[in-house]
Amino acid sequence: MTATPRRGGGWFERVARAGLFRVGGGDAEAAHEWTLRRLAALAGRPAALAVLRRRYAVAAPRTVFGVDFPNPVGLAAGMDKDGVALPAWPALGFGFVEVGTVTARPQPGNPRPRLFRLPDSEAVVNRMGFNNSGAEALAVRLAARPRPLGVPLGISLGKSKVTPLDDAVGDYLASYRALRDHGDYFAVNVSSPNTPGLRALQDRAHLDALLTALVGGPPVLVKIAPDLTEPAIAELLEVCLARGAAGVIATNTTLARDGLTPADRERGAQAGGLSGRPLARRAREVVAFVHRETGGRLPVVGVGGIVDPDDAARMFDAGASLVQLYTGFVYRGPALVRAVARGTLPARPAPARSVPAREGG
């Protein structure tokens, strides 16, 4: 199926996005870094943060896996890996923020270029490779941050590239121990396509050992790949339920290339994980399967292909308790966060019509 982008006409799409997409000569990672630096600078400007909050923040509270969320729209992992711009995200309307994916050891990630926009399909291909400053550095930054953040903080954990699969539990555990006092929940990323062998950790034996080591403190969620078959997902869910995982994040990026427009097929064919609109249908299918297979016992965070409020509504209808944005935020900006959060507000009852009293009783 070929994607049919739904075009918007907001200020971000008409003006800001065009400028951002020219940063660094069109290099997507350069634009990402430029944006993070400016958002990080907002931490020292409380008046500017207050202006943004008044414009974008929406109160639509809910409690999921024992954590209170001011609204159910979160920032997905990967946007602010090292937590450098934390105060900005709640001001832009997000009801929770997930930093990382972080690894026990600092690592540079894969060679550049490694992040590619596919604008006609409203998609992104990345092969970042868990570039981050390491768990200890993130712990230091989080310990020094102004408090309170105002929204729950999730921390996505991954395996260091140099660590053999047989030693993965110790690697994740080292990150968890460094960071456990700073996260409201933890996401176990065993599904990125950009670290060799990582997806093998979704298998029963590996995941069982991993969750046995990590579950017992703050809620632990498992982030799964959209490329798993339903039997493989069902087996993974059995482990999650048996070992006390708090929920599932569905889904990570995909190796499939279905749904790209003709203009993006050649550029999109390169190595890496695909996110954005072409992933929407498969992500919803996985969310619906998890919800149905577990009877709602495992809350689902739906992520993948949400680029307008209708996408989010369908994700909630499929069984998601929360949603996260990444690529949709790249293309639609903070107005998307606000629109999705507003769409989760309960409908207001129609005002009662007053009936004039009749004379004479």
Protein backbone atom coordinates (compact mmCIF):
# COMPACT_ATOMS: atom_id res chain seq x y z
CA MET A 1 0.00 0.00 0.00
CA THR A 2 1.28 3.47 -0.87
CA ALA A 3 1.15 6.16 1.80
CA THR A 4 -1.08 9.13 1.18
CA PRO A 5 0.25 12.00 3.30
CA ARG A 6 -2.35 14.26 4.85
CA ARG A 7 -1.06 17.77 4.51
CA GLY A 8 -1.57 20.41 7.16
CA GLY A 9 -1.35 24.12 6.93
CA GLY A 10 -0.17 25.20 10.36
CA TRP A 11 2.58 27.70 11.07
CA PHE A 12 5.08 24.98 11.94
CA GLU A 13 4.58 23.18 8.63
CA ARG A 14 4.49 26.35 6.52
CA VAL A 15 7.43 28.18 8.07
CA ALA A 16 9.39 26.51 10.89
CA ARG A 17 9.71 23.07 9.35
CA ALA A 18 11.03 24.44 6.07
CA GLY A 19 13.76 26.30 7.94
CA LEU A 20 14.67 23.33 10.13
CA PHE A 21 14.89 21.02 7.14
CA ARG A 22 17.51 23.34 5.60
CA VAL A 23 19.79 23.28 8.67
CA GLY A 24 23.12 21.62 7.97
CA GLY A 25 22.48 21.61 4.26
CA GLY A 26 19.50 19.33 4.76
CA ASP A 27 21.27 16.86 7.05
CA ALA A 28 18.58 15.49 9.40
CA GLU A 29 20.92 14.81 12.32
CA ALA A 30 22.41 18.30 12.13
CA ALA A 31 18.89 19.74 12.36
CA HIS A 32 18.13 17.45 15.29
CA GLU A 33 21.21 18.59 17.19
CA TRP A 34 20.53 22.27 16.37
CA THR A 35 17.00 21.94 17.72
CA LEU A 36 18.11 20.18 20.91
CA ARG A 37 20.64 22.92 21.67
CA ARG A 38 17.95 25.57 21.42
CA LEU A 39 15.46 23.61 23.46
CA ALA A 40 18.15 22.99 26.10
CA ALA A 41 18.71 26.74 26.32
CA LEU A 42 15.07 27.19 27.32
CA ALA A 43 15.83 25.58 30.68
CA GLY A 44 17.28 28.91 31.79
CA ARG A 45 14.29 30.91 30.54
CA PRO A 46 11.31 30.17 32.81
CA ALA A 47 9.24 32.95 31.26
CA ALA A 48 9.60 31.41 27.80
CA LEU A 49 8.70 27.98 29.18
CA ALA A 50 5.60 29.46 30.79
CA VAL A 51 4.49 30.96 27.47
CA LEU A 52 4.90 27.59 25.75
CA ARG A 53 2.99 25.80 28.52
CA ARG A 54 0.06 28.19 28.21
CA ARG A 55 -0.11 27.50 24.49
CA TYR A 56 0.50 23.76 24.32
CA ALA A 57 -0.13 22.05 27.68
CA VAL A 58 -3.37 20.08 27.95
CA ALA A 59 -4.64 18.48 31.17
CA ALA A 60 -6.12 15.07 30.42
CA PRO A 61 -4.91 13.02 33.40
CA ARG A 62 -4.85 9.27 33.67
CA THR A 63 -3.06 6.65 35.75
CA VAL A 64 -1.35 3.73 34.00
CA PHE A 65 0.78 1.00 35.65
CA GLY A 66 0.60 2.98 38.88
CA VAL A 67 2.06 6.19 37.42
CA ASP A 68 0.07 9.44 37.15
CA PHE A 69 0.26 11.11 33.74
CA PRO A 70 -1.01 14.69 33.23
CA ASN A 71 -1.97 13.65 29.71
CA PRO A 72 -1.39 10.42 27.74
CA VAL A 73 0.86 11.84 24.99
CA GLY A 74 4.56 11.17 25.46
CA LEU A 75 7.85 11.91 23.74
CA ALA A 76 9.34 8.66 22.44
CA ALA A 77 12.89 7.57 23.15
CA GLY A 78 15.49 8.72 20.65
CA MET A 79 14.55 12.39 20.49
CA ASP A 80 16.46 13.43 23.62
CA LYS A 81 18.74 10.48 24.31
CA ASP A 82 20.91 12.17 26.93
CA GLY A 83 18.18 14.26 28.58
CA VAL A 84 19.70 17.60 27.63
CA ALA A 85 16.42 19.48 27.01
CA LEU A 86 14.12 18.02 29.66
CA PRO A 87 12.29 21.18 30.82
CA ALA A 88 11.25 21.99 27.25
CA TRP A 89 9.21 18.87 26.56
CA PRO A 90 6.45 19.36 29.16
CA ALA A 91 6.24 23.01 28.04
CA LEU A 92 5.60 21.76 24.50
CA GLY A 93 2.64 19.77 25.79
CA PHE A 94 4.04 16.29 26.40
CA GLY A 95 2.49 14.40 29.30
CA PHE A 96 5.58 12.25 29.79
CA VAL A 97 9.11 12.03 28.41
CA GLU A 98 11.26 8.99 27.64
CA VAL A 99 15.00 9.56 27.43
CA GLY A 100 17.56 7.18 25.94
CA THR A 101 18.02 4.66 24.63
CA VAL A 102 20.99 4.65 27.01
CA THR A 103 23.66 1.97 27.34
CA ALA A 104 25.97 0.98 30.16
CA ARG A 105 28.98 2.19 28.19
CA PRO A 106 29.22 5.46 26.26
CA GLN A 107 29.21 4.81 22.53
CA PRO A 108 29.34 6.92 19.37
CA GLY A 109 26.81 4.90 17.40
CA ASN A 110 27.07 4.08 13.72
CA PRO A 111 28.96 6.23 11.17
CA ARG A 112 27.24 9.30 9.76
CA PRO A 113 25.07 9.95 7.84
CA ARG A 114 22.61 7.77 9.76
CA LEU A 115 19.34 9.71 9.89
CA PHE A 116 17.27 10.35 6.76
CA ARG A 117 13.96 12.12 6.22
CA LEU A 118 11.48 10.84 3.64
CA PRO A 119 9.16 13.86 3.46
CA ASP A 120 6.75 12.64 0.80
CA SER A 121 5.93 9.62 2.98
CA GLU A 122 6.18 11.55 6.29
CA ALA A 123 8.74 8.98 7.40
CA VAL A 124 12.28 8.69 8.73
CA VAL A 125 14.95 6.01 8.35
CA ASN A 126 17.55 5.84 11.10
CA ARG A 127 20.52 3.63 11.82
CA MET A 128 21.80 5.63 14.79
CA GLY A 129 23.08 2.63 16.77
CA PHE A 130 22.34 3.80 20.33
CA ASN A 131 24.68 6.80 20.25
CA ASN A 132 24.70 8.17 23.81
CA SER A 133 26.97 9.35 26.61
CA GLY A 134 26.35 6.30 28.81
CA ALA A 135 24.23 5.53 31.86
CA GLU A 136 26.57 7.13 34.40
CA ALA A 137 26.64 10.43 32.51
CA LEU A 138 22.85 10.43 32.24
CA ALA A 139 22.56 9.71 35.96
CA VAL A 140 24.75 12.71 36.76
CA ARG A 141 22.67 14.97 34.51
CA LEU A 142 19.38 13.77 35.96
CA ALA A 143 20.63 14.17 39.53
CA ALA A 144 21.51 17.80 38.77
CA ARG A 145 18.29 18.72 36.93
CA PRO A 146 15.84 21.21 38.38
CA ARG A 147 12.91 19.47 40.06
CA PRO A 148 10.15 18.72 39.65
CA LEU A 149 9.99 18.01 35.93
CA GLY A 150 6.20 18.05 36.18
CA VAL A 151 5.65 14.91 34.09
CA PRO A 152 6.76 11.27 34.47
CA LEU A 153 10.22 10.43 33.18
CA GLY A 154 10.83 7.13 31.42
CA ILE A 155 14.30 5.79 30.73
CA SER A 156 14.93 3.45 27.79
CA LEU A 157 17.70 0.91 28.38
CA GLY A 158 19.66 -0.84 25.63
CA LYS A 159 22.64 -3.16 25.29
CA SER A 160 26.12 -1.77 24.68
CA LYS A 161 27.28 -2.82 21.22
CA VAL A 162 30.54 -4.34 22.50
CA THR A 163 28.77 -6.52 25.07
CA PRO A 164 28.14 -10.11 23.93
CA LEU A 165 24.54 -11.33 24.05
CA ASP A 166 25.46 -13.81 26.78
CA ASP A 167 26.43 -10.86 28.99
CA ALA A 168 23.43 -8.69 28.10
CA VAL A 169 21.70 -9.07 31.49
CA GLY A 170 24.69 -7.62 33.33
CA ASP A 171 24.92 -4.77 30.82
CA TYR A 172 21.26 -3.77 31.24
CA LEU A 173 21.50 -4.22 34.99
CA ALA A 174 24.48 -1.85 35.20
CA SER A 175 22.47 0.86 33.45
CA TYR A 176 19.42 0.19 35.59
CA ARG A 177 21.38 0.40 38.85
CA ALA A 178 22.93 3.70 37.80
CA LEU A 179 19.55 5.19 36.90
CA ARG A 180 16.89 3.50 39.03
CA ASP A 181 16.48 6.48 41.37
CA HIS A 182 15.73 8.82 38.46
CA GLY A 183 13.09 7.06 36.36
CA ASP A 184 9.35 6.81 36.94
CA TYR A 185 9.42 3.79 34.63
CA PHE A 186 12.01 1.91 32.58
CA ALA A 187 11.70 0.65 29.00
CA VAL A 188 13.73 -2.41 28.03
CA ASN A 189 14.68 -1.87 24.39
CA VAL A 190 15.28 -5.30 22.90
CA SER A 191 13.94 -4.40 19.47
CA SER A 192 16.13 -1.81 17.76
CA PRO A 193 17.27 -3.08 14.35
CA ASN A 194 20.49 -1.07 14.54
CA THR A 195 22.50 -3.05 17.13
CA PRO A 196 23.62 -6.44 15.76
CA GLY A 197 21.88 -9.34 17.49
CA LEU A 198 19.79 -7.17 19.82
CA ARG A 199 16.43 -8.47 18.62
CA ALA A 200 17.41 -11.98 19.74
CA LEU A 201 16.78 -10.68 23.28
CA GLN A 202 13.05 -10.85 22.49
CA ASP A 203 13.32 -14.65 22.57
CA ARG A 204 11.85 -16.41 25.60
CA ALA A 205 15.06 -17.45 27.38
CA HIS A 206 16.88 -14.13 26.95
CA LEU A 207 13.86 -12.02 27.90
CA ASP A 208 13.04 -14.21 30.88
CA ALA A 209 16.53 -13.72 32.30
CA LEU A 210 16.44 -9.99 31.59
CA LEU A 211 13.09 -9.36 33.26
CA THR A 212 14.00 -11.57 36.22
CA ALA A 213 16.96 -9.26 36.85
CA LEU A 214 15.16 -5.94 36.27
CA VAL A 215 11.62 -6.26 37.60
CA GLY A 216 11.08 -5.31 41.24
CA GLY A 217 11.50 -1.53 41.44
CA PRO A 218 9.92 1.11 39.20
CA PRO A 219 7.64 -0.24 36.46
CA VAL A 220 9.48 -2.06 33.66
CA LEU A 221 8.05 -2.10 30.12
CA VAL A 222 9.27 -4.10 27.14
CA LYS A 223 9.60 -2.38 23.75
CA ILE A 224 8.91 -4.79 20.91
CA ALA A 225 9.56 -4.89 17.18
CA PRO A 226 6.75 -4.58 14.63
CA ASP A 227 8.41 -7.28 12.55
CA LEU A 228 7.67 -10.11 14.99
CA THR A 229 5.08 -12.70 14.01
CA GLU A 230 1.98 -13.05 16.18
CA PRO A 231 3.19 -16.38 17.68
CA ALA A 232 6.49 -14.71 18.62
CA ILE A 233 4.65 -11.78 20.19
CA ALA A 234 2.39 -14.17 22.09
CA GLU A 235 5.42 -15.99 23.51
CA LEU A 236 7.00 -12.67 24.51
CA LEU A 237 3.79 -11.63 26.26
CA GLU A 238 3.75 -14.86 28.25
CA VAL A 239 7.19 -13.99 29.59
CA CYS A 240 6.13 -10.41 30.36
CA LEU A 241 3.12 -11.60 32.34
CA ALA A 242 5.03 -14.33 34.14
CA ARG A 243 7.87 -12.04 35.16
CA GLY A 244 5.81 -9.02 36.20
CA ALA A 245 6.50 -6.56 33.40
CA ALA A 246 4.30 -3.49 33.82
CA GLY A 247 3.47 -3.09 30.14
CA VAL A 248 4.56 -3.16 26.53
CA ILE A 249 5.68 -0.40 24.17
CA ALA A 250 4.48 -1.21 20.66
CA THR A 251 6.36 -0.66 18.47
CA ASN A 252 9.95 0.11 17.58
CA THR A 253 11.00 0.96 14.01
CA THR A 254 10.56 -1.57 11.21
CA LEU A 255 12.84 -3.22 8.67
CA ALA A 256 9.93 -3.40 6.23
CA ARG A 257 9.53 -0.74 3.55
CA ASP A 258 5.83 -1.07 2.83
CA GLY A 259 3.89 2.12 2.27
CA LEU A 260 6.62 4.42 0.95
CA THR A 261 5.60 6.73 -1.86
CA PRO A 262 7.40 6.29 -5.21
CA ALA A 263 9.41 9.47 -4.55
CA ASP A 264 10.88 7.96 -1.37
CA ARG A 265 11.45 4.32 -2.30
CA GLU A 266 15.05 4.64 -3.44
CA ARG A 267 16.21 6.75 -0.49
CA GLY A 268 14.14 4.66 1.90
CA ALA A 269 15.69 1.38 0.76
CA GLN A 270 18.92 1.91 2.71
CA ALA A 271 19.75 0.13 5.96
CA GLY A 272 18.03 1.19 9.15
CA GLY A 273 14.68 1.26 10.92
CA LEU A 274 11.71 3.01 9.32
CA SER A 275 9.33 5.15 11.36
CA GLY A 276 6.47 7.49 10.51
CA ARG A 277 3.24 7.18 8.57
CA PRO A 278 4.07 3.92 6.73
CA LEU A 279 4.35 2.16 10.11
CA ALA A 280 0.92 3.27 11.37
CA ARG A 281 -1.14 0.27 10.33
CA ARG A 282 1.32 -2.36 11.53
CA ALA A 283 1.85 -0.57 14.86
CA ARG A 284 -1.93 -0.52 15.43
CA GLU A 285 -2.16 -4.21 14.56
CA VAL A 286 0.49 -5.05 17.16
CA VAL A 287 -1.18 -2.87 19.79
CA ALA A 288 -4.53 -4.55 19.11
CA PHE A 289 -2.95 -8.02 19.28
CA VAL A 290 -1.23 -7.29 22.61
CA HIS A 291 -4.43 -5.88 24.08
CA ARG A 292 -6.50 -8.83 22.87
CA GLU A 293 -3.95 -11.50 23.76
CA THR A 294 -3.51 -10.25 27.34
CA GLY A 295 -7.12 -9.25 27.93
CA GLY A 296 -5.89 -5.79 28.85
CA ARG A 297 -3.70 -7.11 31.68
CA LEU A 298 -0.61 -5.49 30.11
CA PRO A 299 -1.06 -1.77 29.39
CA VAL A 300 0.23 -0.81 25.95
CA VAL A 301 2.06 2.36 24.96
CA GLY A 302 1.28 2.82 21.27
CA VAL A 303 3.98 4.35 19.11
CA GLY A 304 4.52 4.29 15.36
CA GLY A 305 3.01 6.34 12.56
CA ILE A 306 1.07 8.88 14.60
CA VAL A 307 1.20 12.00 12.45
CA ASP A 308 -2.28 13.41 13.06
CA PRO A 309 -4.97 13.17 15.77
CA ASP A 310 -6.93 10.53 13.83
CA ASP A 311 -3.90 8.22 13.96
CA ALA A 312 -3.78 8.63 17.73
CA ALA A 313 -7.51 8.01 18.07
CA ARG A 314 -7.17 4.76 16.15
CA MET A 315 -4.26 3.76 18.37
CA PHE A 316 -6.34 4.33 21.50
CA ASP A 317 -9.24 2.44 19.92
CA ALA A 318 -6.86 -0.46 19.27
CA GLY A 319 -6.16 -0.68 23.00
CA ALA A 320 -3.32 1.74 23.78
CA SER A 321 -3.39 3.34 27.22
CA LEU A 322 -0.76 5.93 26.26
CA VAL A 323 0.84 7.03 23.00
CA GLN A 324 4.25 8.41 22.05
CA LEU A 325 5.34 10.69 19.23
CA TYR A 326 8.62 10.97 17.39
CA THR A 327 8.44 11.21 13.61
CA GLY A 328 5.02 12.86 13.73
CA PHE A 329 6.52 15.54 15.96
CA VAL A 330 9.32 16.07 13.42
CA TYR A 331 6.81 16.73 10.65
CA ARG A 332 3.94 18.39 12.54
CA GLY A 333 5.54 20.10 15.54
CA PRO A 334 4.05 20.82 18.98
CA ALA A 335 0.57 21.53 17.61
CA LEU A 336 0.28 17.77 17.06
CA VAL A 337 1.00 17.11 20.74
CA ARG A 338 -1.74 19.53 21.78
CA ALA A 339 -4.24 18.19 19.25
CA VAL A 340 -3.72 14.57 20.26
CA ALA A 341 -4.01 15.40 23.97
CA ARG A 342 -7.18 17.40 23.36
CA GLY A 343 -8.62 14.45 21.50
CA THR A 344 -8.39 12.36 24.68
CA LEU A 345 -10.51 14.74 26.74
CA PRO A 346 -13.97 13.45 27.63
CA ALA A 347 -16.74 14.88 25.49
CA ARG A 348 -18.56 17.72 27.13
CA PRO A 349 -22.27 17.14 27.61
CA ALA A 350 -24.47 19.32 25.46
CA PRO A 351 -25.87 22.27 27.45
CA ALA A 352 -29.45 21.76 28.54
CA ARG A 353 -31.92 23.79 26.52
CA SER A 354 -34.05 26.12 28.57
CA VAL A 355 -37.79 25.82 27.89
CA PRO A 356 -39.80 28.96 28.45
CA ALA A 357 -42.52 28.55 31.05
CA ARG A 358 -46.00 28.62 29.65
CA GLU A 359 -48.42 31.09 31.05
CA GLY A 360 -51.42 29.78 32.85
CA GLY A 361 -49.75 26.58 34.13
